[in-house]
Amino acid sequence: LNLMWKHQSNMVIWGTMPFTYLGNPSILVITRGYYVLD
């Protein structure tokens, strides 16, 4: 539970999902629409 990083959004985060995006381990962030973090 040591913080590795945190990413600020301007919207409520309803969910997160690890997945492989374009061959790279990534995180899908579910909000108003969605975005991908490496």
PDB file of all heavy atoms in Angstrom:
ATOM      1  N   LEU A   1       0.806  -1.227   0.000  1.00  0.00           N
ATOM      2  CA  LEU A   1       0.000   0.000   0.000  1.00  0.00           C
ATOM      3  C   LEU A   1       0.836   1.272   0.000  1.00  0.00           C
ATOM      4  O   LEU A   1       0.378   2.331   0.441  1.00  0.00           O
ATOM      5  CB  LEU A   1      -1.003   0.018   1.154  1.00  0.00           C
ATOM      6  CG  LEU A   1      -2.056  -1.087   1.141  1.00  0.00           C
ATOM      7  CD1 LEU A   1      -3.150  -0.801   2.170  1.00  0.00           C
ATOM      8  CD2 LEU A   1      -2.689  -1.261  -0.233  1.00  0.00           C
ATOM      9  N   ASN A   2       2.050   1.191  -0.527  1.00  0.00           N
ATOM     10  CA  ASN A   2       2.817   2.402  -0.805  1.00  0.00           C
ATOM     11  C   ASN A   2       2.316   3.000  -2.120  1.00  0.00           C
ATOM     12  O   ASN A   2       2.096   2.270  -3.097  1.00  0.00           O
ATOM     13  CB  ASN A   2       4.309   2.089  -0.908  1.00  0.00           C
ATOM     14  CG  ASN A   2       4.869   1.534   0.385  1.00  0.00           C
ATOM     15  OD1 ASN A   2       4.726   2.135   1.448  1.00  0.00           O
ATOM     16  ND2 ASN A   2       5.508   0.366   0.306  1.00  0.00           N
ATOM     17  N   LEU A   3       2.139   4.316  -2.148  1.00  0.00           N
ATOM     18  CA  LEU A   3       1.652   4.979  -3.355  1.00  0.00           C
ATOM     19  C   LEU A   3       2.729   4.965  -4.433  1.00  0.00           C
ATOM     20  O   LEU A   3       3.842   5.442  -4.229  1.00  0.00           O
ATOM     21  CB  LEU A   3       1.255   6.422  -3.039  1.00  0.00           C
ATOM     22  CG  LEU A   3       0.746   7.252  -4.223  1.00  0.00           C
ATOM     23  CD1 LEU A   3      -0.569   6.702  -4.753  1.00  0.00           C
ATOM     24  CD2 LEU A   3       0.591   8.720  -3.819  1.00  0.00           C
ATOM     25  N   MET A   4       2.399   4.428  -5.594  1.00  0.00           N
ATOM     26  CA  MET A   4       3.303   4.444  -6.740  1.00  0.00           C
ATOM     27  C   MET A   4       3.041   5.685  -7.588  1.00  0.00           C
ATOM     28  O   MET A   4       3.966   6.335  -8.035  1.00  0.00           O
ATOM     29  CB  MET A   4       3.138   3.164  -7.554  1.00  0.00           C
ATOM     30  CG  MET A   4       3.458   1.898  -6.762  1.00  0.00           C
ATOM     31  SD  MET A   4       3.200   0.360  -7.673  1.00  0.00           S
ATOM     32  CE  MET A   4       4.545   0.458  -8.868  1.00  0.00           C
ATOM     33  N   TRP A   5       1.774   5.991  -7.816  1.00  0.00           N
ATOM     34  CA  TRP A   5       1.387   7.246  -8.449  1.00  0.00           C
ATOM     35  C   TRP A   5      -0.120   7.444  -8.283  1.00  0.00           C
ATOM     36  O   TRP A   5      -0.850   6.511  -7.954  1.00  0.00           O
ATOM     37  CB  TRP A   5       1.769   7.315  -9.927  1.00  0.00           C
ATOM     38  CG  TRP A   5       1.338   6.171 -10.816  1.00  0.00           C
ATOM     39  CD1 TRP A   5       2.123   5.154 -11.277  1.00  0.00           C
ATOM     40  CD2 TRP A   5       0.022   5.947 -11.371  1.00  0.00           C
ATOM     41  NE1 TRP A   5       1.383   4.293 -12.061  1.00  0.00           N
ATOM     42  CE2 TRP A   5       0.099   4.765 -12.147  1.00  0.00           C
ATOM     43  CE3 TRP A   5      -1.197   6.606 -11.282  1.00  0.00           C
ATOM     44  CZ2 TRP A   5      -1.004   4.241 -12.825  1.00  0.00           C
ATOM     45  CZ3 TRP A   5      -2.302   6.091 -11.949  1.00  0.00           C
ATOM     46  CH2 TRP A   5      -2.185   4.920 -12.714  1.00  0.00           C
ATOM     47  N   LYS A   6      -0.558   8.682  -8.492  1.00  0.00           N
ATOM     48  CA  LYS A   6      -1.988   8.960  -8.578  1.00  0.00           C
ATOM     49  C   LYS A   6      -2.224   9.925  -9.727  1.00  0.00           C
ATOM     50  O   LYS A   6      -1.398  10.788 -10.025  1.00  0.00           O
ATOM     51  CB  LYS A   6      -2.547   9.505  -7.272  1.00  0.00           C
ATOM     52  CG  LYS A   6      -2.006  10.832  -6.806  1.00  0.00           C
ATOM     53  CD  LYS A   6      -2.674  11.224  -5.483  1.00  0.00           C
ATOM     54  CE  LYS A   6      -2.152  12.566  -4.978  1.00  0.00           C
ATOM     55  NZ  LYS A   6      -2.824  12.960  -3.704  1.00  0.00           N
ATOM     56  N   HIS A   7      -3.349   9.745 -10.390  1.00  0.00           N
ATOM     57  CA  HIS A   7      -3.700  10.557 -11.555  1.00  0.00           C
ATOM     58  C   HIS A   7      -5.016  11.274 -11.275  1.00  0.00           C
ATOM     59  O   HIS A   7      -6.009  10.648 -10.902  1.00  0.00           O
ATOM     60  CB  HIS A   7      -3.850   9.677 -12.796  1.00  0.00           C
ATOM     61  CG  HIS A   7      -4.316  10.423 -14.007  1.00  0.00           C
ATOM     62  ND1 HIS A   7      -3.448  11.012 -14.899  1.00  0.00           N
ATOM     63  CD2 HIS A   7      -5.570  10.703 -14.461  1.00  0.00           C
ATOM     64  CE1 HIS A   7      -4.145  11.605 -15.854  1.00  0.00           C
ATOM     65  NE2 HIS A   7      -5.431  11.430 -15.610  1.00  0.00           N
ATOM     66  N   GLN A   8      -5.008  12.586 -11.451  1.00  0.00           N
ATOM     67  CA  GLN A   8      -6.210  13.371 -11.181  1.00  0.00           C
ATOM     68  C   GLN A   8      -7.061  13.498 -12.425  1.00  0.00           C
ATOM     69  O   GLN A   8      -6.581  13.789 -13.516  1.00  0.00           O
ATOM     70  CB  GLN A   8      -5.849  14.763 -10.667  1.00  0.00           C
ATOM     71  CG  GLN A   8      -7.067  15.575 -10.241  1.00  0.00           C
ATOM     72  CD  GLN A   8      -6.702  16.897  -9.587  1.00  0.00           C
ATOM     73  OE1 GLN A   8      -5.572  17.356  -9.692  1.00  0.00           O
ATOM     74  NE2 GLN A   8      -7.654  17.498  -8.883  1.00  0.00           N
ATOM     75  N   SER A   9      -8.358  13.268 -12.235  1.00  0.00           N
ATOM     76  CA  SER A   9      -9.348  13.485 -13.278  1.00  0.00           C
ATOM     77  C   SER A   9     -10.218  14.658 -12.865  1.00  0.00           C
ATOM     78  O   SER A   9     -10.242  15.048 -11.694  1.00  0.00           O
ATOM     79  CB  SER A   9     -10.203  12.220 -13.461  1.00  0.00           C
ATOM     80  OG  SER A   9     -11.318  12.467 -14.292  1.00  0.00           O
ATOM     81  N   ASN A  10     -10.953  15.217 -13.806  1.00  0.00           N
ATOM     82  CA  ASN A  10     -11.910  16.262 -13.440  1.00  0.00           C
ATOM     83  C   ASN A  10     -13.321  15.705 -13.318  1.00  0.00           C
ATOM     84  O   ASN A  10     -14.300  16.452 -13.292  1.00  0.00           O
ATOM     85  CB  ASN A  10     -11.877  17.413 -14.461  1.00  0.00           C
ATOM     86  CG  ASN A  10     -12.212  16.949 -15.865  1.00  0.00           C
ATOM     87  OD1 ASN A  10     -12.425  15.754 -16.103  1.00  0.00           O
ATOM     88  ND2 ASN A  10     -12.265  17.878 -16.796  1.00  0.00           N
ATOM     89  N   MET A  11     -13.416  14.374 -13.244  1.00  0.00           N
ATOM     90  CA  MET A  11     -14.713  13.712 -13.162  1.00  0.00           C
ATOM     91  C   MET A  11     -14.637  12.556 -12.162  1.00  0.00           C
ATOM     92  O   MET A  11     -13.564  12.035 -11.870  1.00  0.00           O
ATOM     93  CB  MET A  11     -15.126  13.177 -14.535  1.00  0.00           C
ATOM     94  CG  MET A  11     -15.353  14.267 -15.581  1.00  0.00           C
ATOM     95  SD  MET A  11     -15.578  13.604 -17.250  1.00  0.00           S
ATOM     96  CE  MET A  11     -13.898  13.161 -17.681  1.00  0.00           C
ATOM     97  N   VAL A  12     -15.794  12.143 -11.636  1.00  0.00           N
ATOM     98  CA  VAL A  12     -15.878  11.006 -10.722  1.00  0.00           C
ATOM     99  C   VAL A  12     -15.402   9.739 -11.425  1.00  0.00           C
ATOM    100  O   VAL A  12     -15.726   9.496 -12.592  1.00  0.00           O
ATOM    101  CB  VAL A  12     -17.327  10.814 -10.228  1.00  0.00           C
ATOM    102  CG1 VAL A  12     -17.482   9.503  -9.461  1.00  0.00           C
ATOM    103  CG2 VAL A  12     -17.747  11.992  -9.362  1.00  0.00           C
ATOM    104  N   ILE A  13     -14.618   8.930 -10.712  1.00  0.00           N
ATOM    105  CA  ILE A  13     -14.144   7.658 -11.240  1.00  0.00           C
ATOM    106  C   ILE A  13     -15.115   6.563 -10.789  1.00  0.00           C
ATOM    107  O   ILE A  13     -15.209   6.246  -9.608  1.00  0.00           O
ATOM    108  CB  ILE A  13     -12.722   7.331 -10.732  1.00  0.00           C
ATOM    109  CG1 ILE A  13     -11.767   8.504 -10.987  1.00  0.00           C
ATOM    110  CG2 ILE A  13     -12.221   6.040 -11.349  1.00  0.00           C
ATOM    111  CD1 ILE A  13     -11.598   8.876 -12.441  1.00  0.00           C
ATOM    112  N   TRP A  14     -15.847   5.960 -11.740  1.00  0.00           N
ATOM    113  CA  TRP A  14     -16.806   4.917 -11.400  1.00  0.00           C
ATOM    114  C   TRP A  14     -16.188   3.531 -11.426  1.00  0.00           C
ATOM    115  O   TRP A  14     -16.725   2.598 -10.826  1.00  0.00           O
ATOM    116  CB  TRP A  14     -17.999   4.966 -12.342  1.00  0.00           C
ATOM    117  CG  TRP A  14     -18.904   6.123 -12.056  1.00  0.00           C
ATOM    118  CD1 TRP A  14     -18.974   7.295 -12.745  1.00  0.00           C
ATOM    119  CD2 TRP A  14     -19.835   6.239 -10.981  1.00  0.00           C
ATOM    120  NE1 TRP A  14     -19.900   8.135 -12.169  1.00  0.00           N
ATOM    121  CE2 TRP A  14     -20.447   7.502 -11.084  1.00  0.00           C
ATOM    122  CE3 TRP A  14     -20.226   5.393  -9.948  1.00  0.00           C
ATOM    123  CZ2 TRP A  14     -21.422   7.933 -10.187  1.00  0.00           C
ATOM    124  CZ3 TRP A  14     -21.192   5.825  -9.058  1.00  0.00           C
ATOM    125  CH2 TRP A  14     -21.783   7.082  -9.185  1.00  0.00           C
ATOM    126  N   GLY A  15     -15.090   3.382 -12.124  1.00  0.00           N
ATOM    127  CA  GLY A  15     -14.465   2.071 -12.182  1.00  0.00           C
ATOM    128  C   GLY A  15     -13.115   2.128 -12.862  1.00  0.00           C
ATOM    129  O   GLY A  15     -12.791   3.086 -13.576  1.00  0.00           O
ATOM    130  N   THR A  16     -12.307   1.105 -12.621  1.00  0.00           N
ATOM    131  CA  THR A  16     -11.017   0.949 -13.288  1.00  0.00           C
ATOM    132  C   THR A  16     -10.907  -0.492 -13.754  1.00  0.00           C
ATOM    133  O   THR A  16     -11.532  -1.402 -13.187  1.00  0.00           O
ATOM    134  CB  THR A  16      -9.849   1.267 -12.339  1.00  0.00           C
ATOM    135  OG1 THR A  16      -9.916   0.395 -11.203  1.00  0.00           O
ATOM    136  CG2 THR A  16      -9.888   2.719 -11.887  1.00  0.00           C
ATOM    137  N   MET A  17     -10.110  -0.718 -14.786  1.00  0.00           N
ATOM    138  CA  MET A  17      -9.988  -2.050 -15.342  1.00  0.00           C
ATOM    139  C   MET A  17      -8.604  -2.234 -15.966  1.00  0.00           C
ATOM    140  O   MET A  17      -8.268  -1.544 -16.926  1.00  0.00           O
ATOM    141  CB  MET A  17     -11.065  -2.251 -16.415  1.00  0.00           C
ATOM    142  CG  MET A  17     -11.195  -3.666 -16.939  1.00  0.00           C
ATOM    143  SD  MET A  17     -12.450  -3.747 -18.250  1.00  0.00           S
ATOM    144  CE  MET A  17     -13.885  -3.087 -17.416  1.00  0.00           C
ATOM    145  N   PRO A  18      -7.764  -3.115 -15.423  1.00  0.00           N
ATOM    146  CA  PRO A  18      -6.488  -3.384 -16.086  1.00  0.00           C
ATOM    147  C   PRO A  18      -6.715  -4.181 -17.369  1.00  0.00           C
ATOM    148  O   PRO A  18      -7.547  -5.097 -17.406  1.00  0.00           O
ATOM    149  CB  PRO A  18      -5.725  -4.215 -15.045  1.00  0.00           C
ATOM    150  CG  PRO A  18      -6.780  -4.848 -14.218  1.00  0.00           C
ATOM    151  CD  PRO A  18      -7.937  -3.906 -14.189  1.00  0.00           C
ATOM    152  N   PHE A  19      -6.007  -3.828 -18.419  1.00  0.00           N
ATOM    153  CA  PHE A  19      -6.110  -4.561 -19.684  1.00  0.00           C
ATOM    154  C   PHE A  19      -4.877  -4.245 -20.522  1.00  0.00           C
ATOM    155  O   PHE A  19      -4.064  -3.390 -20.158  1.00  0.00           O
ATOM    156  CB  PHE A  19      -7.405  -4.204 -20.423  1.00  0.00           C
ATOM    157  CG  PHE A  19      -7.397  -2.878 -21.151  1.00  0.00           C
ATOM    158  CD1 PHE A  19      -7.617  -2.810 -22.512  1.00  0.00           C
ATOM    159  CD2 PHE A  19      -7.178  -1.680 -20.466  1.00  0.00           C
ATOM    160  CE1 PHE A  19      -7.622  -1.596 -23.186  1.00  0.00           C
ATOM    161  CE2 PHE A  19      -7.188  -0.465 -21.127  1.00  0.00           C
ATOM    162  CZ  PHE A  19      -7.400  -0.421 -22.495  1.00  0.00           C
ATOM    163  N   THR A  20      -4.729  -4.938 -21.613  1.00  0.00           N
ATOM    164  CA  THR A  20      -3.598  -4.715 -22.506  1.00  0.00           C
ATOM    165  C   THR A  20      -4.059  -3.860 -23.678  1.00  0.00           C
ATOM    166  O   THR A  20      -4.874  -4.305 -24.506  1.00  0.00           O
ATOM    167  CB  THR A  20      -3.022  -6.044 -23.013  1.00  0.00           C
ATOM    168  OG1 THR A  20      -2.594  -6.820 -21.884  1.00  0.00           O
ATOM    169  CG2 THR A  20      -1.834  -5.803 -23.931  1.00  0.00           C
ATOM    170  N   TYR A  21      -3.573  -2.633 -23.734  1.00  0.00           N
ATOM    171  CA  TYR A  21      -3.962  -1.685 -24.776  1.00  0.00           C
ATOM    172  C   TYR A  21      -2.809  -1.525 -25.760  1.00  0.00           C
ATOM    173  O   TYR A  21      -1.709  -1.113 -25.376  1.00  0.00           O
ATOM    174  CB  TYR A  21      -4.319  -0.334 -24.143  1.00  0.00           C
ATOM    175  CG  TYR A  21      -4.658   0.752 -25.140  1.00  0.00           C
ATOM    176  CD1 TYR A  21      -5.786   0.647 -25.941  1.00  0.00           C
ATOM    177  CD2 TYR A  21      -3.851   1.880 -25.271  1.00  0.00           C
ATOM    178  CE1 TYR A  21      -6.108   1.638 -26.853  1.00  0.00           C
ATOM    179  CE2 TYR A  21      -4.164   2.882 -26.180  1.00  0.00           C
ATOM    180  CZ  TYR A  21      -5.294   2.753 -26.971  1.00  0.00           C
ATOM    181  OH  TYR A  21      -5.604   3.738 -27.874  1.00  0.00           O
ATOM    182  N   LEU A  22      -3.066  -1.899 -27.002  1.00  0.00           N
ATOM    183  CA  LEU A  22      -2.052  -1.821 -28.059  1.00  0.00           C
ATOM    184  C   LEU A  22      -0.758  -2.522 -27.633  1.00  0.00           C
ATOM    185  O   LEU A  22       0.352  -2.045 -27.885  1.00  0.00           O
ATOM    186  CB  LEU A  22      -1.775  -0.362 -28.438  1.00  0.00           C
ATOM    187  CG  LEU A  22      -2.994   0.453 -28.921  1.00  0.00           C
ATOM    188  CD1 LEU A  22      -2.585   1.881 -29.240  1.00  0.00           C
ATOM    189  CD2 LEU A  22      -3.646  -0.210 -30.130  1.00  0.00           C
ATOM    190  N   GLY A  23      -0.914  -3.646 -26.961  1.00  0.00           N
ATOM    191  CA  GLY A  23       0.231  -4.452 -26.570  1.00  0.00           C
ATOM    192  C   GLY A  23       0.894  -4.067 -25.267  1.00  0.00           C
ATOM    193  O   GLY A  23       1.869  -4.708 -24.857  1.00  0.00           O
ATOM    194  N   ASN A  24       0.368  -3.043 -24.574  1.00  0.00           N
ATOM    195  CA  ASN A  24       0.997  -2.554 -23.346  1.00  0.00           C
ATOM    196  C   ASN A  24       0.046  -2.678 -22.155  1.00  0.00           C
ATOM    197  O   ASN A  24      -1.135  -2.340 -22.268  1.00  0.00           O
ATOM    198  CB  ASN A  24       1.392  -1.080 -23.511  1.00  0.00           C
ATOM    199  CG  ASN A  24       2.380  -0.874 -24.640  1.00  0.00           C
ATOM    200  OD1 ASN A  24       3.418  -1.513 -24.685  1.00  0.00           O
ATOM    201  ND2 ASN A  24       2.046   0.026 -25.568  1.00  0.00           N
ATOM    202  N   PRO A  25       0.546  -3.141 -20.987  1.00  0.00           N
ATOM    203  CA  PRO A  25      -0.291  -3.179 -19.789  1.00  0.00           C
ATOM    204  C   PRO A  25      -0.791  -1.774 -19.448  1.00  0.00           C
ATOM    205  O   PRO A  25       0.000  -0.836 -19.331  1.00  0.00           O
ATOM    206  CB  PRO A  25       0.659  -3.705 -18.709  1.00  0.00           C
ATOM    207  CG  PRO A  25       1.739  -4.409 -19.454  1.00  0.00           C
ATOM    208  CD  PRO A  25       1.902  -3.661 -20.738  1.00  0.00           C
ATOM    209  N   SER A  26      -2.098  -1.631 -19.288  1.00  0.00           N
ATOM    210  CA  SER A  26      -2.711  -0.311 -19.128  1.00  0.00           C
ATOM    211  C   SER A  26      -3.904  -0.402 -18.191  1.00  0.00           C
ATOM    212  O   SER A  26      -4.293  -1.485 -17.744  1.00  0.00           O
ATOM    213  CB  SER A  26      -3.160   0.228 -20.497  1.00  0.00           C
ATOM    214  OG  SER A  26      -2.090   0.256 -21.425  1.00  0.00           O
ATOM    215  N   ILE A  27      -4.486   0.753 -17.916  1.00  0.00           N
ATOM    216  CA  ILE A  27      -5.666   0.844 -17.057  1.00  0.00           C
ATOM    217  C   ILE A  27      -6.748   1.613 -17.800  1.00  0.00           C
ATOM    218  O   ILE A  27      -6.522   2.745 -18.245  1.00  0.00           O
ATOM    219  CB  ILE A  27      -5.340   1.558 -15.732  1.00  0.00           C
ATOM    220  CG1 ILE A  27      -4.247   0.810 -14.975  1.00  0.00           C
ATOM    221  CG2 ILE A  27      -6.600   1.692 -14.869  1.00  0.00           C
ATOM    222  CD1 ILE A  27      -3.678   1.588 -13.811  1.00  0.00           C
ATOM    223  N   LEU A  28      -7.915   0.998 -17.942  1.00  0.00           N
ATOM    224  CA  LEU A  28      -9.080   1.686 -18.482  1.00  0.00           C
ATOM    225  C   LEU A  28      -9.811   2.350 -17.325  1.00  0.00           C
ATOM    226  O   LEU A  28     -10.161   1.694 -16.339  1.00  0.00           O
ATOM    227  CB  LEU A  28     -10.001   0.704 -19.195  1.00  0.00           C
ATOM    228  CG  LEU A  28     -11.230   1.319 -19.873  1.00  0.00           C
ATOM    229  CD1 LEU A  28     -10.824   2.165 -21.071  1.00  0.00           C
ATOM    230  CD2 LEU A  28     -12.215   0.238 -20.297  1.00  0.00           C
ATOM    231  N   VAL A  29     -10.036   3.644 -17.429  1.00  0.00           N
ATOM    232  CA  VAL A  29     -10.712   4.412 -16.385  1.00  0.00           C
ATOM    233  C   VAL A  29     -12.119   4.737 -16.875  1.00  0.00           C
ATOM    234  O   VAL A  29     -12.299   5.329 -17.946  1.00  0.00           O
ATOM    235  CB  VAL A  29      -9.947   5.705 -16.051  1.00  0.00           C
ATOM    236  CG1 VAL A  29     -10.651   6.466 -14.937  1.00  0.00           C
ATOM    237  CG2 VAL A  29      -8.505   5.377 -15.648  1.00  0.00           C
ATOM    238  N   ILE A  30     -13.118   4.347 -16.079  1.00  0.00           N
ATOM    239  CA  ILE A  30     -14.518   4.495 -16.465  1.00  0.00           C
ATOM    240  C   ILE A  30     -15.081   5.737 -15.783  1.00  0.00           C
ATOM    241  O   ILE A  30     -15.114   5.836 -14.550  1.00  0.00           O
ATOM    242  CB  ILE A  30     -15.313   3.245 -16.059  1.00  0.00           C
ATOM    243  CG1 ILE A  30     -14.700   2.001 -16.703  1.00  0.00           C
ATOM    244  CG2 ILE A  30     -16.777   3.379 -16.457  1.00  0.00           C
ATOM    245  CD1 ILE A  30     -15.247   0.704 -16.155  1.00  0.00           C
ATOM    246  N   THR A  31     -15.538   6.677 -16.580  1.00  0.00           N
ATOM    247  CA  THR A  31     -16.028   7.952 -16.064  1.00  0.00           C
ATOM    248  C   THR A  31     -17.037   8.496 -17.076  1.00  0.00           C
ATOM    249  O   THR A  31     -17.816   7.710 -17.628  1.00  0.00           O
ATOM    250  CB  THR A  31     -14.841   8.910 -15.800  1.00  0.00           C
ATOM    251  OG1 THR A  31     -15.334  10.144 -15.302  1.00  0.00           O
ATOM    252  CG2 THR A  31     -13.968   9.121 -16.995  1.00  0.00           C
ATOM    253  N   ARG A  32     -17.072   9.788 -17.332  1.00  0.00           N
ATOM    254  CA  ARG A  32     -17.910  10.309 -18.414  1.00  0.00           C
ATOM    255  C   ARG A  32     -17.177  10.012 -19.717  1.00  0.00           C
ATOM    256  O   ARG A  32     -16.322  10.768 -20.153  1.00  0.00           O
ATOM    257  CB  ARG A  32     -18.161  11.805 -18.253  1.00  0.00           C
ATOM    258  CG  ARG A  32     -19.064  12.372 -19.359  1.00  0.00           C
ATOM    259  CD  ARG A  32     -19.407  13.816 -19.099  1.00  0.00           C
ATOM    260  NE  ARG A  32     -20.353  13.950 -17.991  1.00  0.00           N
ATOM    261  CZ  ARG A  32     -20.669  15.107 -17.425  1.00  0.00           C
ATOM    262  NH1 ARG A  32     -20.108  16.231 -17.845  1.00  0.00           N
ATOM    263  NH2 ARG A  32     -21.534  15.142 -16.433  1.00  0.00           N
ATOM    264  N   GLY A  33     -17.544   8.897 -20.320  1.00  0.00           N
ATOM    265  CA  GLY A  33     -16.717   8.313 -21.349  1.00  0.00           C
ATOM    266  C   GLY A  33     -15.672   7.428 -20.686  1.00  0.00           C
ATOM    267  O   GLY A  33     -15.940   6.779 -19.672  1.00  0.00           O
ATOM    268  N   TYR A  34     -14.471   7.410 -21.224  1.00  0.00           N
ATOM    269  CA  TYR A  34     -13.411   6.596 -20.635  1.00  0.00           C
ATOM    270  C   TYR A  34     -12.075   7.112 -21.148  1.00  0.00           C
ATOM    271  O   TYR A  34     -11.992   7.829 -22.156  1.00  0.00           O
ATOM    272  CB  TYR A  34     -13.577   5.114 -21.007  1.00  0.00           C
ATOM    273  CG  TYR A  34     -13.675   4.848 -22.490  1.00  0.00           C
ATOM    274  CD1 TYR A  34     -12.537   4.677 -23.275  1.00  0.00           C
ATOM    275  CD2 TYR A  34     -14.921   4.772 -23.121  1.00  0.00           C
ATOM    276  CE1 TYR A  34     -12.632   4.451 -24.641  1.00  0.00           C
ATOM    277  CE2 TYR A  34     -15.032   4.548 -24.482  1.00  0.00           C
ATOM    278  CZ  TYR A  34     -13.881   4.376 -25.233  1.00  0.00           C
ATOM    279  OH  TYR A  34     -13.979   4.153 -26.580  1.00  0.00           O
ATOM    280  N   TYR A  35     -11.021   6.769 -20.420  1.00  0.00           N
ATOM    281  CA  TYR A  35      -9.681   7.055 -20.897  1.00  0.00           C
ATOM    282  C   TYR A  35      -8.729   5.962 -20.450  1.00  0.00           C
ATOM    283  O   TYR A  35      -9.077   5.108 -19.615  1.00  0.00           O
ATOM    284  CB  TYR A  35      -9.199   8.448 -20.493  1.00  0.00           C
ATOM    285  CG  TYR A  35      -9.094   8.740 -19.017  1.00  0.00           C
ATOM    286  CD1 TYR A  35      -7.927   8.464 -18.296  1.00  0.00           C
ATOM    287  CD2 TYR A  35     -10.144   9.363 -18.329  1.00  0.00           C
ATOM    288  CE1 TYR A  35      -7.818   8.776 -16.951  1.00  0.00           C
ATOM    289  CE2 TYR A  35     -10.043   9.678 -16.983  1.00  0.00           C
ATOM    290  CZ  TYR A  35      -8.879   9.377 -16.301  1.00  0.00           C
ATOM    291  OH  TYR A  35      -8.768   9.687 -14.966  1.00  0.00           O
ATOM    292  N   VAL A  36      -7.528   5.963 -21.030  1.00  0.00           N
ATOM    293  CA  VAL A  36      -6.543   4.920 -20.777  1.00  0.00           C
ATOM    294  C   VAL A  36      -5.293   5.537 -20.166  1.00  0.00           C
ATOM    295  O   VAL A  36      -4.776   6.539 -20.670  1.00  0.00           O
ATOM    296  CB  VAL A  36      -6.173   4.180 -22.087  1.00  0.00           C
ATOM    297  CG1 VAL A  36      -5.114   3.104 -21.811  1.00  0.00           C
ATOM    298  CG2 VAL A  36      -7.410   3.550 -22.718  1.00  0.00           C
ATOM    299  N   LEU A  37      -4.817   4.925 -19.069  1.00  0.00           N
ATOM    300  CA  LEU A  37      -3.547   5.292 -18.461  1.00  0.00           C
ATOM    301  C   LEU A  37      -2.541   4.178 -18.700  1.00  0.00           C
ATOM    302  O   LEU A  37      -2.894   2.994 -18.622  1.00  0.00           O
ATOM    303  CB  LEU A  37      -3.706   5.499 -16.949  1.00  0.00           C
ATOM    304  CG  LEU A  37      -4.689   6.573 -16.485  1.00  0.00           C
ATOM    305  CD1 LEU A  37      -4.783   6.570 -14.966  1.00  0.00           C
ATOM    306  CD2 LEU A  37      -4.291   7.950 -16.996  1.00  0.00           C
ATOM    307  N   ASP A  38      -1.296   4.544 -18.987  1.00  0.00           N
ATOM    308  CA  ASP A  38      -0.264   3.516 -19.061  1.00  0.00           C
ATOM    309  C   ASP A  38       0.169   3.128 -17.652  1.00  0.00           C
ATOM    310  O   ASP A  38      -0.333   3.659 -16.650  1.00  0.00           O
ATOM    311  CB  ASP A  38       0.907   3.960 -19.935  1.00  0.00           C
ATOM    312  CG  ASP A  38       1.709   5.122 -19.356  1.00  0.00           C
ATOM    313  OD1 ASP A  38       1.578   5.419 -18.146  1.00  0.00           O
ATOM    314  OD2 ASP A  38       2.478   5.740 -20.120  1.00  0.00           O
TER     315      ASP A  38
END
